[in-house]
Amino acid sequence: MRHGNVGAAGDCLFAHALTLAASFPTPDICRAVALATRTVCTGEIIQTERPADFDLSREHYFRVLQMKTAELFALSCELGARLSGAGRDEQQALRAYGVALGTAYQVHDDCVDLFGDELRAGKSLGTDLVAGKLTLPLLVGLERTSGAERRSLETLLREWRPDQLEALRSRLHRTGALAESARVIGEFCQTAQASLDDLPPSAGRRALAWAADYLARQTEALAASAGG
């Protein structure tokens, strides 16, 4: 699927979400969805302001992730809890779970974009590079290189061509970029599971814990298959 089509589909889903939210008798749900939409759009603007910025920090990267993908996960978890009658503490716990899991999911997706298999991923790889997005594996690679090697890596990214993917993977493997990214994903998955600790035992809680564990295991499988 082309990137433009993906963006259009996302816009349609946002519009549909607002339509559904407006159908509730209270304006609180619609307000929450609208606020989350504003946060996501702000994150997108911040991200597009710094394409191919080789001085980008991990903190900036995670800030954008938490304003985009993580915000949508958090909103879904928090509203699900609210609509089921959960108390404020449970809503906040599930929101924290959504932030952590959403962040882990996006980092995993960023890793798949570089180290995955197109048939398994069901999408073209390297799309972040085409858009000039510096994701965590790339930031790790840049952090762990210097001098001529770093300048060469920057040139490769600045003058990106799809036929250079294997060369880029080789460079990133030498820096341990995938292993470090997998470690970070694992930490976020653990944070997500810890957010559930104070919730009462239930099938729903077990399912949410399983989701975080599943993502961690998928990440481990990706690292193993890619030789990371």
C-alpha atoms as a PDB file:
ATOM      1  CA  MET A   1       0.000   0.000   0.000  1.00  0.00           C
ATOM      2  CA  ARG A   2       1.340   3.431  -0.830  1.00  0.00           C
ATOM      3  CA  HIS A   3       2.142   5.848   1.992  1.00  0.00           C
ATOM      4  CA  GLY A   4      -0.488   8.348   0.792  1.00  0.00           C
ATOM      5  CA  ASN A   5      -3.192   5.712   0.919  1.00  0.00           C
ATOM      6  CA  VAL A   6      -2.189   4.798   4.463  1.00  0.00           C
ATOM      7  CA  GLY A   7      -2.480   8.442   5.510  1.00  0.00           C
ATOM      8  CA  ALA A   8      -5.899   8.765   3.904  1.00  0.00           C
ATOM      9  CA  ALA A   9      -7.092   5.600   5.642  1.00  0.00           C
ATOM     10  CA  GLY A  10      -5.897   6.992   8.963  1.00  0.00           C
ATOM     11  CA  ASP A  11      -7.800  10.241   8.380  1.00  0.00           C
ATOM     12  CA  CYS A  12     -10.966   8.272   7.603  1.00  0.00           C
ATOM     13  CA  LEU A  13     -10.582   6.208  10.775  1.00  0.00           C
ATOM     14  CA  PHE A  14     -10.146   9.360  12.847  1.00  0.00           C
ATOM     15  CA  ALA A  15     -13.297  10.831  11.323  1.00  0.00           C
ATOM     16  CA  HIS A  16     -15.172   7.605  12.045  1.00  0.00           C
ATOM     17  CA  ALA A  17     -13.913   7.581  15.633  1.00  0.00           C
ATOM     18  CA  LEU A  18     -15.226  11.113  16.161  1.00  0.00           C
ATOM     19  CA  THR A  19     -18.562  10.111  14.648  1.00  0.00           C
ATOM     20  CA  LEU A  20     -18.850   7.172  17.048  1.00  0.00           C
ATOM     21  CA  ALA A  21     -17.758   9.305  19.996  1.00  0.00           C
ATOM     22  CA  ALA A  22     -20.413  11.901  19.185  1.00  0.00           C
ATOM     23  CA  SER A  23     -23.102   9.230  19.473  1.00  0.00           C
ATOM     24  CA  PHE A  24     -22.640   8.910  23.261  1.00  0.00           C
ATOM     25  CA  PRO A  25     -25.110  10.843  25.421  1.00  0.00           C
ATOM     26  CA  THR A  26     -22.279  12.577  27.305  1.00  0.00           C
ATOM     27  CA  PRO A  27     -19.814  14.927  25.577  1.00  0.00           C
ATOM     28  CA  ASP A  28     -16.919  13.529  27.654  1.00  0.00           C
ATOM     29  CA  ILE A  29     -16.141  10.723  25.215  1.00  0.00           C
ATOM     30  CA  CYS A  30     -16.155  13.007  22.181  1.00  0.00           C
ATOM     31  CA  ARG A  31     -14.002  15.514  24.066  1.00  0.00           C
ATOM     32  CA  ALA A  32     -11.470  12.828  24.984  1.00  0.00           C
ATOM     33  CA  VAL A  33     -11.224  11.611  21.383  1.00  0.00           C
ATOM     34  CA  ALA A  34     -10.882  15.183  20.113  1.00  0.00           C
ATOM     35  CA  LEU A  35      -8.105  15.950  22.602  1.00  0.00           C
ATOM     36  CA  ALA A  36      -6.264  12.768  21.644  1.00  0.00           C
ATOM     37  CA  THR A  37      -6.623  13.701  17.979  1.00  0.00           C
ATOM     38  CA  ARG A  38      -5.066  17.079  18.686  1.00  0.00           C
ATOM     39  CA  THR A  39      -2.182  15.408  20.516  1.00  0.00           C
ATOM     40  CA  VAL A  40      -1.564  12.991  17.639  1.00  0.00           C
ATOM     41  CA  CYS A  41      -1.632  15.789  15.059  1.00  0.00           C
ATOM     42  CA  THR A  42       0.782  17.861  17.157  1.00  0.00           C
ATOM     43  CA  GLY A  43       3.130  14.882  17.360  1.00  0.00           C
ATOM     44  CA  GLU A  44       3.001  14.499  13.595  1.00  0.00           C
ATOM     45  CA  ILE A  45       3.865  18.175  13.106  1.00  0.00           C
ATOM     46  CA  ILE A  46       6.799  17.921  15.531  1.00  0.00           C
ATOM     47  CA  GLN A  47       8.065  14.837  13.700  1.00  0.00           C
ATOM     48  CA  THR A  48       7.862  16.377  10.227  1.00  0.00           C
ATOM     49  CA  GLU A  49       9.718  19.487  11.392  1.00  0.00           C
ATOM     50  CA  ARG A  50      12.943  17.503  11.822  1.00  0.00           C
ATOM     51  CA  PRO A  51      13.333  15.045   8.933  1.00  0.00           C
ATOM     52  CA  ALA A  52      16.741  13.356   8.673  1.00  0.00           C
ATOM     53  CA  ASP A  53      18.023  15.282  11.706  1.00  0.00           C
ATOM     54  CA  PHE A  54      21.092  13.287  12.718  1.00  0.00           C
ATOM     55  CA  ASP A  55      21.310  15.076  16.081  1.00  0.00           C
ATOM     56  CA  LEU A  56      17.860  13.847  17.107  1.00  0.00           C
ATOM     57  CA  SER A  57      17.843  12.499  20.662  1.00  0.00           C
ATOM     58  CA  ARG A  58      16.136   9.395  21.984  1.00  0.00           C
ATOM     59  CA  GLU A  59      14.106  11.656  24.265  1.00  0.00           C
ATOM     60  CA  HIS A  60      12.683  13.527  21.268  1.00  0.00           C
ATOM     61  CA  TYR A  61      11.954  10.261  19.478  1.00  0.00           C
ATOM     62  CA  PHE A  62      10.044   8.830  22.444  1.00  0.00           C
ATOM     63  CA  ARG A  63       8.191  12.089  22.978  1.00  0.00           C
ATOM     64  CA  VAL A  64       6.830  11.912  19.433  1.00  0.00           C
ATOM     65  CA  LEU A  65       5.952   8.214  19.831  1.00  0.00           C
ATOM     66  CA  GLN A  66       4.022   8.927  23.005  1.00  0.00           C
ATOM     67  CA  MET A  67       2.115  11.741  21.322  1.00  0.00           C
ATOM     68  CA  LYS A  68       1.147   9.541  18.375  1.00  0.00           C
ATOM     69  CA  THR A  69       0.846   5.746  18.605  1.00  0.00           C
ATOM     70  CA  ALA A  70       1.044   5.594  22.403  1.00  0.00           C
ATOM     71  CA  GLU A  71      -1.677   8.237  22.782  1.00  0.00           C
ATOM     72  CA  LEU A  72      -4.075   6.164  20.685  1.00  0.00           C
ATOM     73  CA  PHE A  73      -3.353   3.016  22.698  1.00  0.00           C
ATOM     74  CA  ALA A  74      -3.760   4.980  25.932  1.00  0.00           C
ATOM     75  CA  LEU A  75      -7.040   6.524  24.842  1.00  0.00           C
ATOM     76  CA  SER A  76      -8.460   3.114  23.865  1.00  0.00           C
ATOM     77  CA  CYS A  77      -7.510   1.563  27.197  1.00  0.00           C
ATOM     78  CA  GLU A  78      -8.693   4.503  29.291  1.00  0.00           C
ATOM     79  CA  LEU A  79     -12.043   4.863  27.520  1.00  0.00           C
ATOM     80  CA  GLY A  80     -12.606   1.121  27.642  1.00  0.00           C
ATOM     81  CA  ALA A  81     -12.180   1.273  31.401  1.00  0.00           C
ATOM     82  CA  ARG A  82     -14.408   4.348  31.731  1.00  0.00           C
ATOM     83  CA  LEU A  83     -17.218   2.897  29.655  1.00  0.00           C
ATOM     84  CA  SER A  84     -17.154  -0.342  31.650  1.00  0.00           C
ATOM     85  CA  GLY A  85     -17.630   1.586  34.896  1.00  0.00           C
ATOM     86  CA  ALA A  86     -14.089   1.316  36.261  1.00  0.00           C
ATOM     87  CA  GLY A  87     -12.909   3.807  38.872  1.00  0.00           C
ATOM     88  CA  ARG A  88     -10.450   6.621  38.278  1.00  0.00           C
ATOM     89  CA  ASP A  89      -7.443   4.639  39.572  1.00  0.00           C
ATOM     90  CA  GLU A  90      -8.199   1.759  37.200  1.00  0.00           C
ATOM     91  CA  GLN A  91      -8.635   4.170  34.306  1.00  0.00           C
ATOM     92  CA  GLN A  92      -5.247   5.722  35.032  1.00  0.00           C
ATOM     93  CA  ALA A  93      -3.604   2.300  35.374  1.00  0.00           C
ATOM     94  CA  LEU A  94      -4.982   1.226  32.016  1.00  0.00           C
ATOM     95  CA  ARG A  95      -3.933   4.497  30.427  1.00  0.00           C
ATOM     96  CA  ALA A  96      -0.374   3.906  31.684  1.00  0.00           C
ATOM     97  CA  TYR A  97      -0.574   0.394  30.248  1.00  0.00           C
ATOM     98  CA  GLY A  98      -1.642   1.815  26.872  1.00  0.00           C
ATOM     99  CA  VAL A  99       1.193   4.350  26.802  1.00  0.00           C
ATOM    100  CA  ALA A 100       3.809   1.680  27.531  1.00  0.00           C
ATOM    101  CA  LEU A 101       2.373  -0.921  25.163  1.00  0.00           C
ATOM    102  CA  GLY A 102       1.793   1.622  22.404  1.00  0.00           C
ATOM    103  CA  THR A 103       5.380   2.836  22.667  1.00  0.00           C
ATOM    104  CA  ALA A 104       6.694  -0.723  22.586  1.00  0.00           C
ATOM    105  CA  TYR A 105       4.503  -1.528  19.596  1.00  0.00           C
ATOM    106  CA  GLN A 106       5.747   1.464  17.600  1.00  0.00           C
ATOM    107  CA  VAL A 107       9.408   0.710  18.321  1.00  0.00           C
ATOM    108  CA  HIS A 108       8.757  -2.875  17.238  1.00  0.00           C
ATOM    109  CA  ASP A 109       7.134  -1.620  14.022  1.00  0.00           C
ATOM    110  CA  ASP A 110      10.143   0.638  13.428  1.00  0.00           C
ATOM    111  CA  CYS A 111      12.422  -2.394  13.794  1.00  0.00           C
ATOM    112  CA  VAL A 112      10.293  -4.428  11.376  1.00  0.00           C
ATOM    113  CA  ASP A 113      10.605  -1.599   8.843  1.00  0.00           C
ATOM    114  CA  LEU A 114      14.373  -2.147   8.834  1.00  0.00           C
ATOM    115  CA  PHE A 115      14.913  -5.795   9.741  1.00  0.00           C
ATOM    116  CA  GLY A 116      11.672  -7.545   8.867  1.00  0.00           C
ATOM    117  CA  ASP A 117      10.582  -9.677   5.952  1.00  0.00           C
ATOM    118  CA  GLU A 118       8.159  -8.053   3.511  1.00  0.00           C
ATOM    119  CA  LEU A 119       5.981 -11.148   3.156  1.00  0.00           C
ATOM    120  CA  ARG A 120       5.592 -11.543   6.912  1.00  0.00           C
ATOM    121  CA  ALA A 121       5.249  -7.814   7.558  1.00  0.00           C
ATOM    122  CA  GLY A 122       2.641  -7.431   4.827  1.00  0.00           C
ATOM    123  CA  LYS A 123       4.092  -4.085   3.773  1.00  0.00           C
ATOM    124  CA  SER A 124       7.016  -2.530   1.957  1.00  0.00           C
ATOM    125  CA  LEU A 125      10.125  -2.095   4.093  1.00  0.00           C
ATOM    126  CA  GLY A 126      12.178   1.065   4.429  1.00  0.00           C
ATOM    127  CA  THR A 127       9.177   3.418   4.305  1.00  0.00           C
ATOM    128  CA  ASP A 128      10.444   5.388   7.319  1.00  0.00           C
ATOM    129  CA  LEU A 129      13.729   5.996   5.510  1.00  0.00           C
ATOM    130  CA  VAL A 130      11.923   7.289   2.434  1.00  0.00           C
ATOM    131  CA  ALA A 131      10.073   9.756   4.670  1.00  0.00           C
ATOM    132  CA  GLY A 132      13.294  10.814   6.419  1.00  0.00           C
ATOM    133  CA  LYS A 133      12.180   9.441   9.808  1.00  0.00           C
ATOM    134  CA  LEU A 134      14.962   8.505  12.198  1.00  0.00           C
ATOM    135  CA  THR A 135      13.737   5.586  14.287  1.00  0.00           C
ATOM    136  CA  LEU A 136      15.338   3.997  17.350  1.00  0.00           C
ATOM    137  CA  PRO A 137      17.570   1.470  15.496  1.00  0.00           C
ATOM    138  CA  LEU A 138      18.947   4.320  13.386  1.00  0.00           C
ATOM    139  CA  LEU A 139      19.469   6.548  16.410  1.00  0.00           C
ATOM    140  CA  VAL A 140      21.354   3.736  18.163  1.00  0.00           C
ATOM    141  CA  GLY A 141      23.480   3.219  15.053  1.00  0.00           C
ATOM    142  CA  LEU A 142      24.328   6.914  14.943  1.00  0.00           C
ATOM    143  CA  GLU A 143      25.052   7.009  18.698  1.00  0.00           C
ATOM    144  CA  ARG A 144      27.509   4.145  18.409  1.00  0.00           C
ATOM    145  CA  THR A 145      29.517   5.364  15.432  1.00  0.00           C
ATOM    146  CA  SER A 146      31.850   8.301  15.046  1.00  0.00           C
ATOM    147  CA  GLY A 147      34.266   9.939  12.646  1.00  0.00           C
ATOM    148  CA  ALA A 148      34.349   8.706   9.072  1.00  0.00           C
ATOM    149  CA  GLU A 149      32.086   5.755   9.856  1.00  0.00           C
ATOM    150  CA  ARG A 150      29.340   8.034  11.165  1.00  0.00           C
ATOM    151  CA  ARG A 151      29.683  10.423   8.222  1.00  0.00           C
ATOM    152  CA  SER A 152      29.372   7.467   5.867  1.00  0.00           C
ATOM    153  CA  LEU A 153      26.219   6.289   7.678  1.00  0.00           C
ATOM    154  CA  GLU A 154      24.733   9.784   7.506  1.00  0.00           C
ATOM    155  CA  THR A 155      25.405   9.921   3.778  1.00  0.00           C
ATOM    156  CA  LEU A 156      23.750   6.545   3.300  1.00  0.00           C
ATOM    157  CA  LEU A 157      20.641   7.769   5.098  1.00  0.00           C
ATOM    158  CA  ARG A 158      20.613  11.184   3.443  1.00  0.00           C
ATOM    159  CA  GLU A 159      20.910   9.695  -0.067  1.00  0.00           C
ATOM    160  CA  TRP A 160      18.692   6.716   0.665  1.00  0.00           C
ATOM    161  CA  ARG A 161      17.814   4.179  -2.030  1.00  0.00           C
ATOM    162  CA  PRO A 162      15.808   0.970  -1.447  1.00  0.00           C
ATOM    163  CA  ASP A 163      18.598  -1.178  -2.879  1.00  0.00           C
ATOM    164  CA  GLN A 164      20.822  -0.105   0.033  1.00  0.00           C
ATOM    165  CA  LEU A 165      18.745  -1.876   2.695  1.00  0.00           C
ATOM    166  CA  GLU A 166      21.092  -4.824   3.119  1.00  0.00           C
ATOM    167  CA  ALA A 167      24.101  -2.526   3.412  1.00  0.00           C
ATOM    168  CA  LEU A 168      22.306  -0.512   6.073  1.00  0.00           C
ATOM    169  CA  ARG A 169      21.294  -3.633   7.975  1.00  0.00           C
ATOM    170  CA  SER A 170      24.916  -4.775   8.005  1.00  0.00           C
ATOM    171  CA  ARG A 171      26.070  -1.450   9.447  1.00  0.00           C
ATOM    172  CA  LEU A 172      23.366  -1.464  12.102  1.00  0.00           C
ATOM    173  CA  HIS A 173      24.117  -5.055  13.116  1.00  0.00           C
ATOM    174  CA  ARG A 174      27.719  -4.054  13.807  1.00  0.00           C
ATOM    175  CA  THR A 175      26.494  -1.457  16.310  1.00  0.00           C
ATOM    176  CA  GLY A 176      24.033  -3.802  18.029  1.00  0.00           C
ATOM    177  CA  ALA A 177      21.162  -1.486  17.068  1.00  0.00           C
ATOM    178  CA  LEU A 178      18.529  -4.219  16.843  1.00  0.00           C
ATOM    179  CA  ALA A 179      19.581  -5.841  20.118  1.00  0.00           C
ATOM    180  CA  GLU A 180      19.430  -2.494  21.914  1.00  0.00           C
ATOM    181  CA  SER A 181      16.036  -1.699  20.396  1.00  0.00           C
ATOM    182  CA  ALA A 182      14.762  -5.132  21.450  1.00  0.00           C
ATOM    183  CA  ARG A 183      15.977  -4.447  24.991  1.00  0.00           C
ATOM    184  CA  VAL A 184      14.051  -1.161  25.053  1.00  0.00           C
ATOM    185  CA  ILE A 185      10.901  -2.847  23.744  1.00  0.00           C
ATOM    186  CA  GLY A 186      11.217  -5.484  26.458  1.00  0.00           C
ATOM    187  CA  GLU A 187      11.434  -2.788  29.129  1.00  0.00           C
ATOM    188  CA  PHE A 188       8.296  -1.058  27.864  1.00  0.00           C
ATOM    189  CA  CYS A 189       6.467  -4.386  27.784  1.00  0.00           C
ATOM    190  CA  GLN A 190       7.474  -5.008  31.394  1.00  0.00           C
ATOM    191  CA  THR A 191       6.272  -1.510  32.313  1.00  0.00           C
ATOM    192  CA  ALA A 192       2.953  -2.245  30.633  1.00  0.00           C
ATOM    193  CA  GLN A 193       2.527  -5.450  32.598  1.00  0.00           C
ATOM    194  CA  ALA A 194       3.504  -3.745  35.861  1.00  0.00           C
ATOM    195  CA  SER A 195       0.771  -1.143  35.247  1.00  0.00           C
ATOM    196  CA  LEU A 196      -1.764  -3.932  35.661  1.00  0.00           C
ATOM    197  CA  ASP A 197      -0.532  -5.030  39.095  1.00  0.00           C
ATOM    198  CA  ASP A 198      -3.137  -3.131  41.109  1.00  0.00           C
ATOM    199  CA  LEU A 199      -6.089  -4.190  38.956  1.00  0.00           C
ATOM    200  CA  PRO A 200      -8.379  -6.953  40.239  1.00  0.00           C
ATOM    201  CA  PRO A 201      -7.812 -10.402  38.689  1.00  0.00           C
ATOM    202  CA  SER A 202      -9.947 -10.911  35.590  1.00  0.00           C
ATOM    203  CA  ALA A 203      -9.883 -12.427  32.123  1.00  0.00           C
ATOM    204  CA  GLY A 204      -9.406  -8.931  30.722  1.00  0.00           C
ATOM    205  CA  ARG A 205      -6.334  -8.297  32.851  1.00  0.00           C
ATOM    206  CA  ARG A 206      -4.838 -11.629  31.804  1.00  0.00           C
ATOM    207  CA  ALA A 207      -5.478 -10.808  28.140  1.00  0.00           C
ATOM    208  CA  LEU A 208      -3.745  -7.441  28.456  1.00  0.00           C
ATOM    209  CA  ALA A 209      -0.742  -9.039  30.177  1.00  0.00           C
ATOM    210  CA  TRP A 210      -0.632 -11.652  27.419  1.00  0.00           C
ATOM    211  CA  ALA A 211      -0.606  -8.925  24.753  1.00  0.00           C
ATOM    212  CA  ALA A 212       2.482  -7.321  26.268  1.00  0.00           C
ATOM    213  CA  ASP A 213       4.191 -10.702  26.618  1.00  0.00           C
ATOM    214  CA  TYR A 214       3.310 -11.587  23.024  1.00  0.00           C
ATOM    215  CA  LEU A 215       4.858  -8.369  21.705  1.00  0.00           C
ATOM    216  CA  ALA A 216       8.034  -9.043  23.681  1.00  0.00           C
ATOM    217  CA  ARG A 217       8.241 -12.554  22.245  1.00  0.00           C
ATOM    218  CA  GLN A 218       7.628 -11.285  18.705  1.00  0.00           C
ATOM    219  CA  THR A 219      10.490  -8.855  19.179  1.00  0.00           C
ATOM    220  CA  GLU A 220      12.779 -11.624  20.363  1.00  0.00           C
ATOM    221  CA  ALA A 221      11.819 -13.680  17.296  1.00  0.00           C
ATOM    222  CA  LEU A 222      12.565 -10.735  15.003  1.00  0.00           C
ATOM    223  CA  ALA A 223      15.989 -10.233  16.561  1.00  0.00           C
ATOM    224  CA  ALA A 224      16.767 -13.941  16.253  1.00  0.00           C
ATOM    225  CA  SER A 225      15.666 -14.184  12.626  1.00  0.00           C
ATOM    226  CA  ALA A 226      17.515 -11.022  11.645  1.00  0.00           C
ATOM    227  CA  GLY A 227      20.664 -12.041  13.456  1.00  0.00           C
ATOM    228  CA  GLY A 228      20.453  -9.019  15.717  1.00  0.00           C
END
